[in-house]
């Protein structure tokens, strides 16, 4: 059974510590790739309304 897909019962502090340790175990290249994949997955949740900072001409990463 894949350990990564098991349910975990942990406190927020325990989960944050586990995620921090998992992140530090990655090479810088792996961290970047993980971040880029996460950004790509988040685009599924885009809304049809424009970002509020768009009207302010603020820098927005899309």
N, C-alpha and C. Protein backbone atom coordinates (compact mmCIF):
# COMPACT_ATOMS: atom_id res chain seq x y z
N UNK A 1 0.85 -1.18 0.00
CA UNK A 1 0.00 0.00 0.00
C UNK A 1 0.90 1.24 0.00
N UNK A 2 0.50 2.24 -0.75
CA UNK A 2 1.27 3.48 -0.86
C UNK A 2 1.09 4.30 0.41
N UNK A 3 2.19 4.50 1.14
CA UNK A 3 2.14 5.21 2.42
C UNK A 3 1.71 6.66 2.23
N UNK A 4 2.07 7.26 1.11
CA UNK A 4 1.76 8.67 0.86
C UNK A 4 0.25 8.92 0.80
N UNK A 5 -0.55 7.90 0.48
CA UNK A 5 -1.98 8.11 0.28
C UNK A 5 -2.80 7.73 1.51
N UNK A 6 -2.14 7.39 2.62
CA UNK A 6 -2.85 7.05 3.83
C UNK A 6 -3.37 8.31 4.51
N UNK A 7 -4.47 8.17 5.26
CA UNK A 7 -4.97 9.28 6.05
C UNK A 7 -4.03 9.51 7.22
N UNK A 8 -3.84 10.76 7.57
CA UNK A 8 -2.99 11.10 8.71
C UNK A 8 -3.81 11.91 9.69
N UNK A 9 -3.70 11.56 10.94
CA UNK A 9 -4.34 12.31 12.02
C UNK A 9 -3.24 12.98 12.80
N UNK A 10 -3.11 14.30 12.60
CA UNK A 10 -2.05 15.04 13.26
C UNK A 10 -2.52 16.45 13.52
N UNK A 11 -1.86 17.10 14.46
CA UNK A 11 -2.20 18.48 14.76
C UNK A 11 -1.64 19.38 13.66
N UNK A 12 -2.09 20.62 13.64
CA UNK A 12 -1.60 21.57 12.65
C UNK A 12 -0.10 21.76 12.79
N UNK A 13 0.38 21.82 14.02
CA UNK A 13 1.82 21.99 14.26
C UNK A 13 2.60 20.79 13.75
N UNK A 14 2.08 19.59 13.99
CA UNK A 14 2.75 18.37 13.50
C UNK A 14 2.77 18.33 11.98
N UNK A 15 1.66 18.71 11.36
CA UNK A 15 1.59 18.71 9.90
C UNK A 15 2.55 19.74 9.31
N UNK A 16 2.60 20.93 9.92
CA UNK A 16 3.53 21.96 9.43
C UNK A 16 4.97 21.50 9.56
N UNK A 17 5.31 20.87 10.66
CA UNK A 17 6.68 20.37 10.86
C UNK A 17 7.01 19.28 9.84
N UNK A 18 6.06 18.35 9.61
CA UNK A 18 6.28 17.28 8.63
C UNK A 18 6.49 17.87 7.24
N UNK A 19 5.65 18.84 6.85
CA UNK A 19 5.79 19.45 5.52
C UNK A 19 7.10 20.20 5.39
N UNK A 20 7.51 20.87 6.48
CA UNK A 20 8.78 21.59 6.47
C UNK A 20 9.95 20.62 6.27
N UNK A 21 9.93 19.51 6.99
CA UNK A 21 10.99 18.50 6.86
C UNK A 21 11.00 17.89 5.46
N UNK A 22 9.80 17.60 4.92
CA UNK A 22 9.72 17.04 3.57
C UNK A 22 10.29 18.02 2.55
N UNK A 23 10.03 19.30 2.75
CA UNK A 23 10.54 20.32 1.83
C UNK A 23 12.05 20.41 1.91
N UNK A 24 12.60 20.38 3.11
CA UNK A 24 14.04 20.51 3.27
C UNK A 24 14.79 19.29 2.75
N UNK A 25 14.12 18.15 2.66
CA UNK A 25 14.75 16.94 2.12
C UNK A 25 14.91 17.02 0.61
N UNK A 26 14.15 17.89 -0.04
CA UNK A 26 14.23 18.01 -1.49
C UNK A 26 15.44 18.86 -1.89
N UNK A 27 15.98 18.56 -3.08
CA UNK A 27 17.02 19.39 -3.67
C UNK A 27 16.37 20.70 -4.12
N UNK A 28 17.16 21.77 -4.29
CA UNK A 28 16.58 23.03 -4.78
C UNK A 28 15.83 22.85 -6.10
N UNK A 29 16.36 22.02 -6.98
CA UNK A 29 15.68 21.78 -8.26
C UNK A 29 14.33 21.11 -8.04
N UNK A 30 14.27 20.14 -7.13
CA UNK A 30 13.02 19.45 -6.84
C UNK A 30 12.01 20.41 -6.20
N UNK A 31 12.48 21.32 -5.37
CA UNK A 31 11.59 22.31 -4.75
C UNK A 31 10.95 23.19 -5.81
N UNK A 32 11.77 23.64 -6.75
CA UNK A 32 11.25 24.49 -7.82
C UNK A 32 10.22 23.74 -8.65
N UNK A 33 10.53 22.50 -9.02
CA UNK A 33 9.59 21.72 -9.83
C UNK A 33 8.29 21.48 -9.06
N UNK A 34 8.38 21.19 -7.77
CA UNK A 34 7.19 20.99 -6.94
C UNK A 34 6.34 22.26 -6.93
N UNK A 35 6.99 23.42 -6.76
CA UNK A 35 6.28 24.69 -6.73
C UNK A 35 5.58 24.95 -8.07
N UNK A 36 6.29 24.73 -9.17
CA UNK A 36 5.69 24.98 -10.48
C UNK A 36 4.50 24.05 -10.74
N UNK A 37 4.60 22.80 -10.32
CA UNK A 37 3.48 21.87 -10.48
C UNK A 37 2.29 22.32 -9.63
N UNK A 38 2.57 22.80 -8.42
CA UNK A 38 1.51 23.28 -7.54
C UNK A 38 0.80 24.48 -8.16
N UNK A 39 1.57 25.41 -8.71
CA UNK A 39 0.98 26.58 -9.36
C UNK A 39 0.10 26.16 -10.52
N UNK A 40 0.57 25.20 -11.30
CA UNK A 40 -0.21 24.73 -12.44
C UNK A 40 -1.51 24.07 -11.97
N UNK A 41 -1.46 23.29 -10.92
CA UNK A 41 -2.67 22.64 -10.39
C UNK A 41 -3.66 23.67 -9.85
N UNK A 42 -3.16 24.76 -9.29
CA UNK A 42 -4.05 25.78 -8.72
C UNK A 42 -4.82 26.53 -9.78
N UNK A 43 -4.37 26.51 -11.00
CA UNK A 43 -5.07 27.23 -12.06
C UNK A 43 -6.44 26.63 -12.33
N UNK A 44 -6.67 25.41 -11.88
CA UNK A 44 -7.98 24.79 -12.03
C UNK A 44 -9.03 25.58 -11.26
N UNK A 45 -8.60 26.25 -10.20
CA UNK A 45 -9.52 26.97 -9.33
C UNK A 45 -9.69 28.44 -9.71
N UNK A 46 -9.24 28.83 -10.87
CA UNK A 46 -9.38 30.22 -11.27
C UNK A 46 -10.86 30.58 -11.42
N UNK A 47 -11.17 31.81 -11.09
CA UNK A 47 -12.54 32.29 -11.21
C UNK A 47 -12.65 33.17 -12.45
N UNK A 48 -13.87 33.47 -12.83
CA UNK A 48 -14.09 34.31 -14.01
C UNK A 48 -13.98 35.80 -13.68
N UNK A 49 -13.99 36.13 -12.40
CA UNK A 49 -13.87 37.55 -12.02
C UNK A 49 -12.40 37.95 -12.03
N UNK A 50 -12.10 39.14 -12.48
CA UNK A 50 -10.70 39.57 -12.52
C UNK A 50 -10.12 39.75 -11.12
N UNK A 51 -8.84 39.58 -11.02
CA UNK A 51 -8.15 39.76 -9.75
C UNK A 51 -8.30 41.21 -9.30
N UNK A 52 -8.55 41.45 -8.00
CA UNK A 52 -8.77 42.84 -7.54
C UNK A 52 -7.57 43.76 -7.78
N UNK A 53 -6.37 43.19 -7.83
CA UNK A 53 -5.19 44.02 -8.06
C UNK A 53 -5.02 44.38 -9.54
N UNK A 54 -5.78 43.76 -10.41
CA UNK A 54 -5.68 44.06 -11.84
C UNK A 54 -6.02 45.53 -12.09
N UNK A 55 -7.01 46.04 -11.39
CA UNK A 55 -7.43 47.43 -11.59
C UNK A 55 -6.43 48.42 -11.02
N UNK A 56 -5.57 47.96 -10.10
CA UNK A 56 -4.58 48.83 -9.47
C UNK A 56 -3.25 48.81 -10.21
N UNK A 57 -3.17 48.04 -11.30
CA UNK A 57 -1.94 47.87 -12.07
C UNK A 57 -0.79 47.30 -11.24
N UNK A 58 -1.13 46.44 -10.25
CA UNK A 58 -0.12 45.76 -9.47
C UNK A 58 0.42 44.56 -10.23
N UNK A 59 1.62 44.13 -9.88
CA UNK A 59 2.23 42.96 -10.51
C UNK A 59 1.47 41.72 -10.09
N UNK A 60 1.05 40.90 -11.06
CA UNK A 60 0.29 39.68 -10.79
C UNK A 60 0.94 38.54 -11.56
N UNK A 61 1.23 37.44 -10.87
CA UNK A 61 1.76 36.26 -11.54
C UNK A 61 0.58 35.39 -11.95
N UNK A 62 0.51 35.07 -13.23
CA UNK A 62 -0.58 34.22 -13.72
C UNK A 62 -0.03 32.99 -14.35
